[in-house]
PDB file of N, CA and C in Angstrom:
ATOM      1  N   MET A   1      27.268 -30.265  24.754  1.00  0.00           N
ATOM      2  CA  MET A   1      26.710 -31.272  25.652  1.00  0.00           C
ATOM      3  C   MET A   1      25.206 -31.036  25.684  1.00  0.00           C
ATOM      4  N   ALA A   2      24.249 -32.012  25.371  1.00  0.00           N
ATOM      5  CA  ALA A   2      23.269 -31.901  25.013  1.00  0.00           C
ATOM      6  C   ALA A   2      22.114 -32.179  26.557  1.00  0.00           C
ATOM      7  N   GLN A   3      21.462 -30.904  26.537  1.00  0.00           N
ATOM      8  CA  GLN A   3      20.394 -31.306  27.606  1.00  0.00           C
ATOM      9  C   GLN A   3      19.025 -31.870  27.383  1.00  0.00           C
ATOM     10  N   THR A   4      18.735 -32.450  28.624  1.00  0.00           N
ATOM     11  CA  THR A   4      17.624 -33.360  28.284  1.00  0.00           C
ATOM     12  C   THR A   4      16.259 -32.859  28.375  1.00  0.00           C
ATOM     13  N   GLN A   5      15.166 -32.976  27.544  1.00  0.00           N
ATOM     14  CA  GLN A   5      14.174 -31.945  28.071  1.00  0.00           C
ATOM     15  C   GLN A   5      13.194 -31.535  29.790  1.00  0.00           C
ATOM     16  N   GLU A   6      13.745 -32.626  30.445  1.00  0.00           N
ATOM     17  CA  GLU A   6      13.677 -32.178  31.486  1.00  0.00           C
ATOM     18  C   GLU A   6      14.215 -31.314  31.811  1.00  0.00           C
ATOM     19  N   GLU A   7      16.290 -31.529  31.902  1.00  0.00           N
ATOM     20  CA  GLU A   7      16.760 -30.118  31.635  1.00  0.00           C
ATOM     21  C   GLU A   7      16.043 -28.710  31.441  1.00  0.00           C
ATOM     22  N   LYS A   8      15.696 -29.091  30.400  1.00  0.00           N
ATOM     23  CA  LYS A   8      15.737 -27.665  29.637  1.00  0.00           C
ATOM     24  C   LYS A   8      14.292 -26.887  30.370  1.00  0.00           C
ATOM     25  N   LEU A   9      13.308 -27.886  30.500  1.00  0.00           N
ATOM     26  CA  LEU A   9      12.009 -27.349  31.399  1.00  0.00           C
ATOM     27  C   LEU A   9      12.436 -26.815  32.863  1.00  0.00           C
ATOM     28  N   ALA A  10      13.187 -27.423  33.721  1.00  0.00           N
ATOM     29  CA  ALA A  10      13.362 -27.020  34.472  1.00  0.00           C
ATOM     30  C   ALA A  10      14.647 -26.091  34.099  1.00  0.00           C
ATOM     31  N   ALA A  11      14.966 -25.401  34.075  1.00  0.00           N
ATOM     32  CA  ALA A  11      15.609 -24.729  33.387  1.00  0.00           C
ATOM     33  C   ALA A  11      14.743 -23.067  32.950  1.00  0.00           C
ATOM     34  N   ALA A  12      13.903 -23.557  32.280  1.00  0.00           N
ATOM     35  CA  ALA A  12      12.794 -22.587  31.651  1.00  0.00           C
ATOM     36  C   ALA A  12      11.722 -22.212  32.726  1.00  0.00           C
ATOM     37  N   LEU A  13      11.641 -23.345  33.833  1.00  0.00           N
ATOM     38  CA  LEU A  13      10.705 -22.540  34.915  1.00  0.00           C
ATOM     39  C   LEU A  13      11.965 -22.397  35.889  1.00  0.00           C
ATOM     40  N   ARG A  14      12.903 -22.547  36.046  1.00  0.00           N
ATOM     41  CA  ARG A  14      13.582 -21.946  37.101  1.00  0.00           C
ATOM     42  C   ARG A  14      13.367 -20.147  36.368  1.00  0.00           C
ATOM     43  N   VAL A  15      13.798 -19.804  35.160  1.00  0.00           N
ATOM     44  CA  VAL A  15      13.862 -18.620  34.777  1.00  0.00           C
ATOM     45  C   VAL A  15      12.618 -17.944  34.866  1.00  0.00           C
ATOM     46  N   GLU A  16      11.128 -18.686  34.665  1.00  0.00           N
ATOM     47  CA  GLU A  16       9.920 -17.933  34.869  1.00  0.00           C
ATOM     48  C   GLU A  16       9.958 -18.085  36.124  1.00  0.00           C
ATOM     49  N   LEU A  17       9.838 -18.998  37.211  1.00  0.00           N
ATOM     50  CA  LEU A  17       9.795 -18.376  38.633  1.00  0.00           C
ATOM     51  C   LEU A  17      10.811 -17.321  39.020  1.00  0.00           C
ATOM     52  N   HIS A  18      12.005 -17.153  38.628  1.00  0.00           N
ATOM     53  CA  HIS A  18      12.675 -16.029  39.122  1.00  0.00           C
ATOM     54  C   HIS A  18      11.951 -14.674  38.939  1.00  0.00           C
ATOM     55  N   ASN A  19      11.418 -14.731  37.379  1.00  0.00           N
ATOM     56  CA  ASN A  19      10.565 -13.617  36.818  1.00  0.00           C
ATOM     57  C   ASN A  19       9.327 -13.101  37.646  1.00  0.00           C
ATOM     58  N   THR A  20       8.842 -14.544  38.349  1.00  0.00           N
ATOM     59  CA  THR A  20       7.460 -14.146  38.948  1.00  0.00           C
ATOM     60  C   THR A  20       7.954 -13.755  40.151  1.00  0.00           C
ATOM     61  N   SER A  21       9.035 -13.714  40.644  1.00  0.00           N
ATOM     62  CA  SER A  21       9.175 -13.408  42.367  1.00  0.00           C
ATOM     63  C   SER A  21       9.880 -12.023  42.031  1.00  0.00           C
ATOM     64  N   CYS A  22      10.430 -11.947  41.054  1.00  0.00           N
ATOM     65  CA  CYS A  22      10.239 -10.511  40.265  1.00  0.00           C
ATOM     66  C   CYS A  22       9.254  -9.909  40.453  1.00  0.00           C
ATOM     67  N   GLN A  23       8.485 -10.280  39.922  1.00  0.00           N
ATOM     68  CA  GLN A  23       6.997  -9.110  39.596  1.00  0.00           C
ATOM     69  C   GLN A  23       6.411  -9.311  41.072  1.00  0.00           C
ATOM     70  N   VAL A  24       6.351 -10.292  41.853  1.00  0.00           N
ATOM     71  CA  VAL A  24       5.623 -10.238  43.377  1.00  0.00           C
ATOM     72  C   VAL A  24       6.225  -9.431  43.889  1.00  0.00           C
ATOM     73  N   GLN A  25       7.643  -9.069  43.516  1.00  0.00           N
ATOM     74  CA  GLN A  25       8.345  -7.961  44.936  1.00  0.00           C
ATOM     75  C   GLN A  25       8.239  -6.589  44.231  1.00  0.00           C
ATOM     76  N   SER A  26       7.990  -6.595  43.097  1.00  0.00           N
ATOM     77  CA  SER A  26       7.747  -5.563  42.523  1.00  0.00           C
ATOM     78  C   SER A  26       6.239  -4.733  42.870  1.00  0.00           C
ATOM     79  N   LEU A  27       5.371  -5.937  42.927  1.00  0.00           N
ATOM     80  CA  LEU A  27       3.715  -5.429  43.210  1.00  0.00           C
ATOM     81  C   LEU A  27       3.573  -5.236  44.440  1.00  0.00           C
ATOM     82  N   GLN A  28       4.108  -6.187  45.331  1.00  0.00           N
ATOM     83  CA  GLN A  28       4.259  -6.360  46.367  1.00  0.00           C
ATOM     84  C   GLN A  28       4.596  -4.487  46.558  1.00  0.00           C
ATOM     85  N   ALA A  29       6.073  -4.236  46.412  1.00  0.00           N
ATOM     86  CA  ALA A  29       6.886  -2.712  46.422  1.00  0.00           C
ATOM     87  C   ALA A  29       5.271  -1.661  46.446  1.00  0.00           C
ATOM     88  N   GLU A  30       4.996  -2.132  45.007  1.00  0.00           N
ATOM     89  CA  GLU A  30       4.157  -0.979  44.469  1.00  0.00           C
ATOM     90  C   GLU A  30       2.511  -0.938  45.684  1.00  0.00           C
ATOM     91  N   THR A  31       2.262  -2.386  45.676  1.00  0.00           N
ATOM     92  CA  THR A  31       1.060  -2.158  47.110  1.00  0.00           C
ATOM     93  C   THR A  31       1.844  -1.199  48.574  1.00  0.00           C
ATOM     94  N   GLU A  32       2.541  -1.310  48.820  1.00  0.00           N
ATOM     95  CA  GLU A  32       3.329  -0.499  50.181  1.00  0.00           C
ATOM     96  C   GLU A  32       3.217   0.577  49.757  1.00  0.00           C
ATOM     97  N   SER A  33       3.624   1.077  48.660  1.00  0.00           N
ATOM     98  CA  SER A  33       3.665   2.802  47.854  1.00  0.00           C
ATOM     99  C   SER A  33       2.365   2.983  48.185  1.00  0.00           C
ATOM    100  N   LEU A  34       1.033   2.522  47.528  1.00  0.00           N
ATOM    101  CA  LEU A  34       0.167   2.713  47.140  1.00  0.00           C
ATOM    102  C   LEU A  34      -0.551   2.967  48.744  1.00  0.00           C
ATOM    103  N   ARG A  35      -0.240   1.786  49.321  1.00  0.00           N
ATOM    104  CA  ARG A  35      -0.708   2.034  50.912  1.00  0.00           C
ATOM    105  C   ARG A  35      -0.327   3.036  51.440  1.00  0.00           C
ATOM    106  N   ALA A  36       0.796   3.822  51.700  1.00  0.00           N
ATOM    107  CA  ALA A  36       1.483   4.276  51.809  1.00  0.00           C
ATOM    108  C   ALA A  36       0.722   6.281  51.744  1.00  0.00           C
ATOM    109  N   LEU A  37       0.915   5.780  50.261  1.00  0.00           N
ATOM    110  CA  LEU A  37       0.140   7.443  49.711  1.00  0.00           C
ATOM    111  C   LEU A  37      -1.762   7.237  50.328  1.00  0.00           C
ATOM    112  N   LYS A  38      -2.527   6.233  50.427  1.00  0.00           N
ATOM    113  CA  LYS A  38      -3.407   6.002  51.241  1.00  0.00           C
ATOM    114  C   LYS A  38      -3.225   6.983  52.150  1.00  0.00           C
ATOM    115  N   ARG A  39      -2.823   6.144  53.149  1.00  0.00           N
ATOM    116  CA  ARG A  39      -2.548   7.305  54.564  1.00  0.00           C
ATOM    117  C   ARG A  39      -2.415   8.317  54.519  1.00  0.00           C
ATOM    118  N   GLY A  40      -1.448   8.333  53.379  1.00  0.00           N
ATOM    119  CA  GLY A  40      -0.585  10.223  53.276  1.00  0.00           C
ATOM    120  C   GLY A  40      -2.086  10.909  53.105  1.00  0.00           C
ATOM    121  N   LEU A  41      -2.810  10.301  52.179  1.00  0.00           N
ATOM    122  CA  LEU A  41      -4.164  11.306  51.459  1.00  0.00           C
ATOM    123  C   LEU A  41      -5.510  11.045  52.895  1.00  0.00           C
ATOM    124  N   GLU A  42      -5.538   9.939  53.543  1.00  0.00           N
ATOM    125  CA  GLU A  42      -6.341   9.855  54.744  1.00  0.00           C
ATOM    126  C   GLU A  42      -5.849  11.183  55.615  1.00  0.00           C
ATOM    127  N   ASN A  43      -4.653  11.116  55.790  1.00  0.00           N
ATOM    128  CA  ASN A  43      -4.379  12.335  56.910  1.00  0.00           C
ATOM    129  C   ASN A  43      -4.679  13.733  56.345  1.00  0.00           C
ATOM    130  N   THR A  44      -4.502  13.559  55.083  1.00  0.00           N
ATOM    131  CA  THR A  44      -4.854  15.045  54.629  1.00  0.00           C
ATOM    132  C   THR A  44      -6.076  15.666  54.629  1.00  0.00           C
ATOM    133  N   LEU A  45      -7.096  14.456  54.179  1.00  0.00           N
ATOM    134  CA  LEU A  45      -8.588  14.747  54.014  1.00  0.00           C
ATOM    135  C   LEU A  45      -8.893  15.023  55.848  1.00  0.00           C
ATOM    136  N   HIS A  46      -8.189  14.113  56.832  1.00  0.00           N
ATOM    137  CA  HIS A  46      -8.596  13.974  58.214  1.00  0.00           C
ATOM    138  C   HIS A  46      -8.369  15.845  58.639  1.00  0.00           C
ATOM    139  N   ASP A  47      -7.169  16.084  58.347  1.00  0.00           N
ATOM    140  CA  ASP A  47      -6.352  17.646  58.587  1.00  0.00           C
ATOM    141  C   ASP A  47      -7.571  18.704  58.095  1.00  0.00           C
ATOM    142  N   ALA A  48      -8.113  18.268  56.680  1.00  0.00           N
ATOM    143  CA  ALA A  48      -8.965  19.327  56.137  1.00  0.00           C
ATOM    144  C   ALA A  48      -9.877  19.798  56.639  1.00  0.00           C
ATOM    145  N   LYS A  49     -10.947  18.285  57.415  1.00  0.00           N
ATOM    146  CA  LYS A  49     -11.546  18.242  57.564  1.00  0.00           C
ATOM    147  C   LYS A  49     -11.863  18.727  58.839  1.00  0.00           C
ATOM    148  N   HIS A  50     -10.708  18.620  59.804  1.00  0.00           N
ATOM    149  CA  HIS A  50     -10.242  19.563  61.165  1.00  0.00           C
ATOM    150  C   HIS A  50     -10.221  20.976  60.666  1.00  0.00           C
ATOM    151  N   TRP A  51      -9.671  21.371  59.813  1.00  0.00           N
ATOM    152  CA  TRP A  51      -9.422  22.537  59.654  1.00  0.00           C
ATOM    153  C   TRP A  51     -10.737  23.911  59.315  1.00  0.00           C
ATOM    154  N   HIS A  52     -11.699  22.620  58.501  1.00  0.00           N
ATOM    155  CA  HIS A  52     -12.786  23.297  57.465  1.00  0.00           C
ATOM    156  C   HIS A  52     -13.814  23.150  59.331  1.00  0.00           C
ATOM    157  N   ASP A  53     -13.750  22.277  60.348  1.00  0.00           N
ATOM    158  CA  ASP A  53     -14.437  22.459  60.934  1.00  0.00           C
ATOM    159  C   ASP A  53     -14.440  23.568  62.193  1.00  0.00           C
ATOM    160  N   ILE A  54     -12.860  23.544  62.566  1.00  0.00           N
ATOM    161  CA  ILE A  54     -12.336  24.768  62.879  1.00  0.00           C
ATOM    162  C   ILE A  54     -12.463  26.437  62.314  1.00  0.00           C
ATOM    163  N   GLU A  55     -12.383  26.419  61.248  1.00  0.00           N
ATOM    164  CA  GLU A  55     -12.750  28.110  60.349  1.00  0.00           C
ATOM    165  C   GLU A  55     -14.844  27.751  60.521  1.00  0.00           C
ATOM    166  N   LEU A  56     -15.527  26.598  60.232  1.00  0.00           N
ATOM    167  CA  LEU A  56     -16.972  26.860  60.761  1.00  0.00           C
ATOM    168  C   LEU A  56     -17.328  27.661  61.928  1.00  0.00           C
ATOM    169  N   GLN A  57     -16.307  26.883  62.890  1.00  0.00           N
ATOM    170  CA  GLN A  57     -16.767  27.455  64.194  1.00  0.00           C
ATOM    171  C   GLN A  57     -16.560  28.622  64.456  1.00  0.00           C
ATOM    172  N   ASN A  58     -15.506  29.163  63.819  1.00  0.00           N
ATOM    173  CA  ASN A  58     -15.173  30.715  63.949  1.00  0.00           C
ATOM    174  C   ASN A  58     -15.784  31.848  62.898  1.00  0.00           C
ATOM    175  N   LEU A  59     -16.304  31.147  61.417  1.00  0.00           N
ATOM    176  CA  LEU A  59     -17.373  31.981  60.992  1.00  0.00           C
ATOM    177  C   LEU A  59     -18.272  31.796  61.570  1.00  0.00           C
ATOM    178  N   GLY A  60     -18.663  30.739  62.490  1.00  0.00           N
ATOM    179  CA  GLY A  60     -20.109  30.962  63.282  1.00  0.00           C
ATOM    180  C   GLY A  60     -20.328  32.082  63.964  1.00  0.00           C
ATOM    181  N   THR A  61     -19.088  31.568  65.016  1.00  0.00           N
ATOM    182  CA  THR A  61     -19.141  32.998  65.872  1.00  0.00           C
ATOM    183  C   THR A  61     -18.682  34.452  65.988  1.00  0.00           C
ATOM    184  N   VAL A  62     -18.014  34.881  64.204  1.00  0.00           N
ATOM    185  CA  VAL A  62     -18.277  35.497  63.809  1.00  0.00           C
ATOM    186  C   VAL A  62     -19.494  36.484  63.452  1.00  0.00           C
ATOM    187  N   VAL A  63     -20.305  35.372  62.736  1.00  0.00           N
ATOM    188  CA  VAL A  63     -22.107  35.496  61.952  1.00  0.00           C
ATOM    189  C   VAL A  63     -22.616  36.168  63.604  1.00  0.00           C
ATOM    190  N   SER A  64     -22.760  35.226  64.116  1.00  0.00           N
ATOM    191  CA  SER A  64     -23.289  35.476  65.698  1.00  0.00           C
ATOM    192  C   SER A  64     -22.845  36.725  66.244  1.00  0.00           C
ATOM    193  N   ARG A  65     -21.789  37.118  66.028  1.00  0.00           N
ATOM    194  CA  ARG A  65     -21.325  38.451  66.919  1.00  0.00           C
ATOM    195  C   ARG A  65     -21.939  39.705  66.046  1.00  0.00           C
ATOM    196  N   LEU A  66     -21.690  39.252  64.729  1.00  0.00           N
ATOM    197  CA  LEU A  66     -22.019  40.399  63.641  1.00  0.00           C
ATOM    198  C   LEU A  66     -23.856  40.131  63.648  1.00  0.00           C
ATOM    199  N   GLU A  67     -24.373  39.727  63.857  1.00  0.00           N
ATOM    200  CA  GLU A  67     -26.263  39.692  64.271  1.00  0.00           C
ATOM    201  C   GLU A  67     -26.154  40.361  65.313  1.00  0.00           C
ATOM    202  N   ALA A  68     -25.253  40.208  66.756  1.00  0.00           N
ATOM    203  CA  ALA A  68     -25.782  41.172  67.992  1.00  0.00           C
ATOM    204  C   ALA A  68     -25.351  42.007  67.501  1.00  0.00           C
ATOM    205  N   GLU A  69     -24.278  42.959  66.630  1.00  0.00           N
ATOM    206  CA  GLU A  69     -23.971  44.379  66.482  1.00  0.00           C
ATOM    207  C   GLU A  69     -25.166  44.741  65.178  1.00  0.00           C
ATOM    208  N   LEU A  70     -25.591  43.920  64.780  1.00  0.00           N
ATOM    209  CA  LEU A  70     -26.767  44.542  63.916  1.00  0.00           C
ATOM    210  C   LEU A  70     -27.926  45.049  64.968  1.00  0.00           C
ATOM    211  N   ARG A  71     -27.842  43.924  65.536  1.00  0.00           N
ATOM    212  CA  ARG A  71     -29.616  44.493  66.675  1.00  0.00           C
ATOM    213  C   ARG A  71     -29.127  45.693  67.523  1.00  0.00           C
ATOM    214  N   GLU A  72     -27.691  45.372  67.882  1.00  0.00           N
ATOM    215  CA  GLU A  72     -27.988  46.265  68.921  1.00  0.00           C
ATOM    216  C   GLU A  72     -27.873  47.730  68.107  1.00  0.00           C
ATOM    217  N   MET A  73     -27.147  47.490  66.639  1.00  0.00           N
ATOM    218  CA  MET A  73     -27.308  49.338  65.964  1.00  0.00           C
ATOM    219  C   MET A  73     -28.564  49.597  65.054  1.00  0.00           C
ATOM    220  N   ARG A  74     -29.504  48.467  64.865  1.00  0.00           N
ATOM    221  CA  ARG A  74     -31.148  48.857  64.906  1.00  0.00           C
ATOM    222  C   ARG A  74     -31.605  49.309  66.312  1.00  0.00           C
ATOM    223  N   ALA A  75     -31.466  48.614  67.352  1.00  0.00           N
ATOM    224  CA  ALA A  75     -32.045  49.199  68.440  1.00  0.00           C
ATOM    225  C   ALA A  75     -31.400  50.894  68.947  1.00  0.00           C
ATOM    226  N   GLU A  76     -30.526  50.808  68.438  1.00  0.00           N
ATOM    227  CA  GLU A  76     -29.925  52.366  68.574  1.00  0.00           C
ATOM    228  C   GLU A  76     -30.264  53.241  67.253  1.00  0.00           C
ATOM    229  N   ALA A  77     -30.681  52.824  66.218  1.00  0.00           N
ATOM    230  CA  ALA A  77     -31.386  53.446  64.976  1.00  0.00           C
ATOM    231  C   ALA A  77     -32.724  53.897  65.625  1.00  0.00           C
ATOM    232  N   GLU A  78     -33.201  52.766  66.156  1.00  0.00           N
ATOM    233  CA  GLU A  78     -35.066  53.204  66.799  1.00  0.00           C
ATOM    234  C   GLU A  78     -34.813  54.027  67.701  1.00  0.00           C
ATOM    235  N   GLN A  79     -33.751  54.454  69.019  1.00  0.00           N
ATOM    236  CA  GLN A  79     -33.796  55.015  70.032  1.00  0.00           C
ATOM    237  C   GLN A  79     -33.258  56.638  69.162  1.00  0.00           C
ATOM    238  N   GLN A  80     -32.703  56.530  68.516  1.00  0.00           N
ATOM    239  CA  GLN A  80     -32.269  57.653  67.715  1.00  0.00           C
ATOM    240  C   GLN A  80     -33.410  58.475  66.826  1.00  0.00           C
ATOM    241  N   GLN A  81     -34.219  57.587  66.336  1.00  0.00           N
ATOM    242  CA  GLN A  81     -35.618  57.664  65.260  1.00  0.00           C
ATOM    243  C   GLN A  81     -36.473  58.505  66.710  1.00  0.00           C
ATOM    244  N   GLN A  82     -36.712  57.777  67.698  1.00  0.00           N
ATOM    245  CA  GLN A  82     -37.593  58.079  68.909  1.00  0.00           C
ATOM    246  C   GLN A  82     -37.260  59.558  69.430  1.00  0.00           C
ATOM    247  N   ALA A  83     -35.850  59.765  69.433  1.00  0.00           N
ATOM    248  CA  ALA A  83     -35.063  60.915  70.051  1.00  0.00           C
ATOM    249  C   ALA A  83     -35.594  61.818  69.162  1.00  0.00           C
ATOM    250  N   ARG A  84     -35.225  61.939  67.661  1.00  0.00           N
ATOM    251  CA  ARG A  84     -35.753  62.678  66.924  1.00  0.00           C
ATOM    252  C   ARG A  84     -37.028  62.883  66.778  1.00  0.00           C
ATOM    253  N   GLU A  85     -37.934  61.876  66.681  1.00  0.00           N
ATOM    254  CA  GLU A  85     -39.237  62.585  66.849  1.00  0.00           C
ATOM    255  C   GLU A  85     -39.463  63.610  67.916  1.00  0.00           C
ATOM    256  N   HIS A  86     -39.601  63.018  69.014  1.00  0.00           N
ATOM    257  CA  HIS A  86     -39.451  63.780  70.501  1.00  0.00           C
ATOM    258  C   HIS A  86     -39.136  65.458  69.831  1.00  0.00           C
ATOM    259  N   LEU A  87     -37.396  65.237  69.479  1.00  0.00           N
ATOM    260  CA  LEU A  87     -37.101  66.670  69.115  1.00  0.00           C
ATOM    261  C   LEU A  87     -37.984  67.865  68.522  1.00  0.00           C
ATOM    262  N   LEU A  88     -38.291  66.824  67.384  1.00  0.00           N
ATOM    263  CA  LEU A  88     -38.967  67.674  66.301  1.00  0.00           C
ATOM    264  C   LEU A  88     -40.492  67.834  66.552  1.00  0.00           C
ATOM    265  N   ALA A  89     -41.355  67.056  68.072  1.00  0.00           N
ATOM    266  CA  ALA A  89     -42.338  67.474  68.087  1.00  0.00           C
ATOM    267  C   ALA A  89     -42.408  68.637  69.230  1.00  0.00           C
ATOM    268  N   HIS A  90     -40.820  68.513  70.233  1.00  0.00           N
ATOM    269  CA  HIS A  90     -40.636  69.938  71.419  1.00  0.00           C
ATOM    270  C   HIS A  90     -40.276  71.184  70.286  1.00  0.00           C
ATOM    271  N   LYS A  91     -39.519  70.934  69.052  1.00  0.00           N
ATOM    272  CA  LYS A  91     -39.105  72.155  68.599  1.00  0.00           C
ATOM    273  C   LYS A  91     -41.143  72.916  67.698  1.00  0.00           C
ATOM    274  N   GLY A  92     -41.808  71.515  67.245  1.00  0.00           N
ATOM    275  CA  GLY A  92     -42.893  72.841  66.793  1.00  0.00           C
ATOM    276  C   GLY A  92     -43.734  72.844  67.582  1.00  0.00           C
ATOM    277  N   GLN A  93     -43.925  72.751  69.088  1.00  0.00           N
ATOM    278  CA  GLN A  93     -44.362  73.258  70.292  1.00  0.00           C
ATOM    279  C   GLN A  93     -43.791  74.598  70.394  1.00  0.00           C
ATOM    280  N   LEU A  94     -42.663  74.527  70.471  1.00  0.00           N
ATOM    281  CA  LEU A  94     -41.682  75.616  70.816  1.00  0.00           C
ATOM    282  C   LEU A  94     -41.677  77.129  70.029  1.00  0.00           C
ATOM    283  N   GLN A  95     -42.010  75.860  68.520  1.00  0.00           N
ATOM    284  CA  GLN A  95     -42.527  77.651  67.730  1.00  0.00           C
ATOM    285  C   GLN A  95     -43.860  77.716  67.633  1.00  0.00           C
ATOM    286  N   ARG A  96     -44.727  76.821  67.881  1.00  0.00           N
ATOM    287  CA  ARG A  96     -46.310  77.439  68.744  1.00  0.00           C
ATOM    288  C   ARG A  96     -46.332  78.182  69.472  1.00  0.00           C
ATOM    289  N   ASP A  97     -45.219  77.955  70.401  1.00  0.00           N
ATOM    290  CA  ASP A  97     -45.261  79.003  71.421  1.00  0.00           C
ATOM    291  C   ASP A  97     -44.575  80.303  71.276  1.00  0.00           C
ATOM    292  N   VAL A  98     -43.629  80.386  70.238  1.00  0.00           N
ATOM    293  CA  VAL A  98     -43.161  81.689  69.892  1.00  0.00           C
ATOM    294  C   VAL A  98     -44.004  82.064  68.898  1.00  0.00           C
ATOM    295  N   ALA A  99     -45.195  81.663  68.207  1.00  0.00           N
ATOM    296  CA  ALA A  99     -45.662  81.994  67.250  1.00  0.00           C
ATOM    297  C   ALA A  99     -46.677  83.090  68.042  1.00  0.00           C
ATOM    298  N   SER A 100     -46.759  82.302  69.147  1.00  0.00           N
ATOM    299  CA  SER A 100     -48.003  82.654  69.998  1.00  0.00           C
ATOM    300  C   SER A 100     -47.668  84.172  71.094  1.00  0.00           C
ATOM    301  N   TYR A 101     -46.065  83.888  71.171  1.00  0.00           N
ATOM    302  CA  TYR A 101     -45.735  85.093  72.325  1.00  0.00           C
ATOM    303  C   TYR A 101     -45.421  85.933  71.290  1.00  0.00           C
ATOM    304  N   HIS A 102     -45.477  86.177  69.711  1.00  0.00           N
ATOM    305  CA  HIS A 102     -45.050  87.148  68.853  1.00  0.00           C
ATOM    306  C   HIS A 102     -46.554  87.702  68.566  1.00  0.00           C
ATOM    307  N   ALA A 103     -47.515  86.894  68.708  1.00  0.00           N
ATOM    308  CA  ALA A 103     -49.015  87.213  68.321  1.00  0.00           C
ATOM    309  C   ALA A 103     -49.367  88.132  69.237  1.00  0.00           C
ATOM    310  N   LEU A 104     -48.691  88.068  70.755  1.00  0.00           N
ATOM    311  CA  LEU A 104     -49.269  88.655  72.147  1.00  0.00           C
ATOM    312  C   LEU A 104     -48.510  89.857  72.131  1.00  0.00           C
ATOM    313  N   LEU A 105     -47.345  89.949  71.326  1.00  0.00           N
ATOM    314  CA  LEU A 105     -46.673  91.205  71.544  1.00  0.00           C
ATOM    315  C   LEU A 105     -46.773  92.247  70.397  1.00  0.00           C
ATOM    316  N   ASP A 106     -47.273  91.861  68.980  1.00  0.00           N
ATOM    317  CA  ASP A 106     -48.245  91.974  68.152  1.00  0.00           C
ATOM    318  C   ASP A 106     -49.641  92.965  68.717  1.00  0.00           C
ATOM    319  N   ARG A 107     -50.061  92.567  69.765  1.00  0.00           N
ATOM    320  CA  ARG A 107     -51.270  92.839  69.999  1.00  0.00           C
ATOM    321  C   ARG A 107     -51.497  94.103  71.093  1.00  0.00           C
ATOM    322  N   GLU A 108     -50.506  93.702  71.842  1.00  0.00           N
ATOM    323  CA  GLU A 108     -49.616  94.559  73.081  1.00  0.00           C
ATOM    324  C   GLU A 108     -49.450  95.898  72.175  1.00  0.00           C
ATOM    325  N   GLU A 109     -48.584  96.252  71.311  1.00  0.00           N
ATOM    326  CA  GLU A 109     -47.849  96.824  70.372  1.00  0.00           C
ATOM    327  C   GLU A 109     -49.455  97.681  69.243  1.00  0.00           C
ATOM    328  N   SER A 110     -50.036  97.147  69.061  1.00  0.00           N
ATOM    329  CA  SER A 110     -51.147  97.879  68.374  1.00  0.00           C
ATOM    330  C   SER A 110     -52.209  97.967  69.285  1.00  0.00           C
ATOM    331  N   GLY A 111     -52.495  97.581  70.164  1.00  0.00           N
ATOM    332  CA  GLY A 111     -53.396  98.077  71.177  1.00  0.00           C
ATOM    333  C   GLY A 111     -53.483  98.805  72.244  1.00  0.00           C
TER     334      GLY A 111
END
């Protein structure tokens, strides 16, 4: 059976149409897959940003607490330094008093 040129052309066009239709479906599926991947990545990014914000807030709280502790420790160290200086001054005065007392005793014994 001999096919006419038009019939051959129509058959070739049907094959091409079928192939193009398959490609379109494949591309649509790939596009949908990429959209789903994009949504997943956007959600992951959103979650990561949210986690980062929470961690940053927690670290800010920790830093604030540590800074307060450091201020408190510095204040305690300053108070201890002042108390030490006061005790050293008092010790010096007591040593002078004891030396004076010994000098008086020595004079009484020798006099």
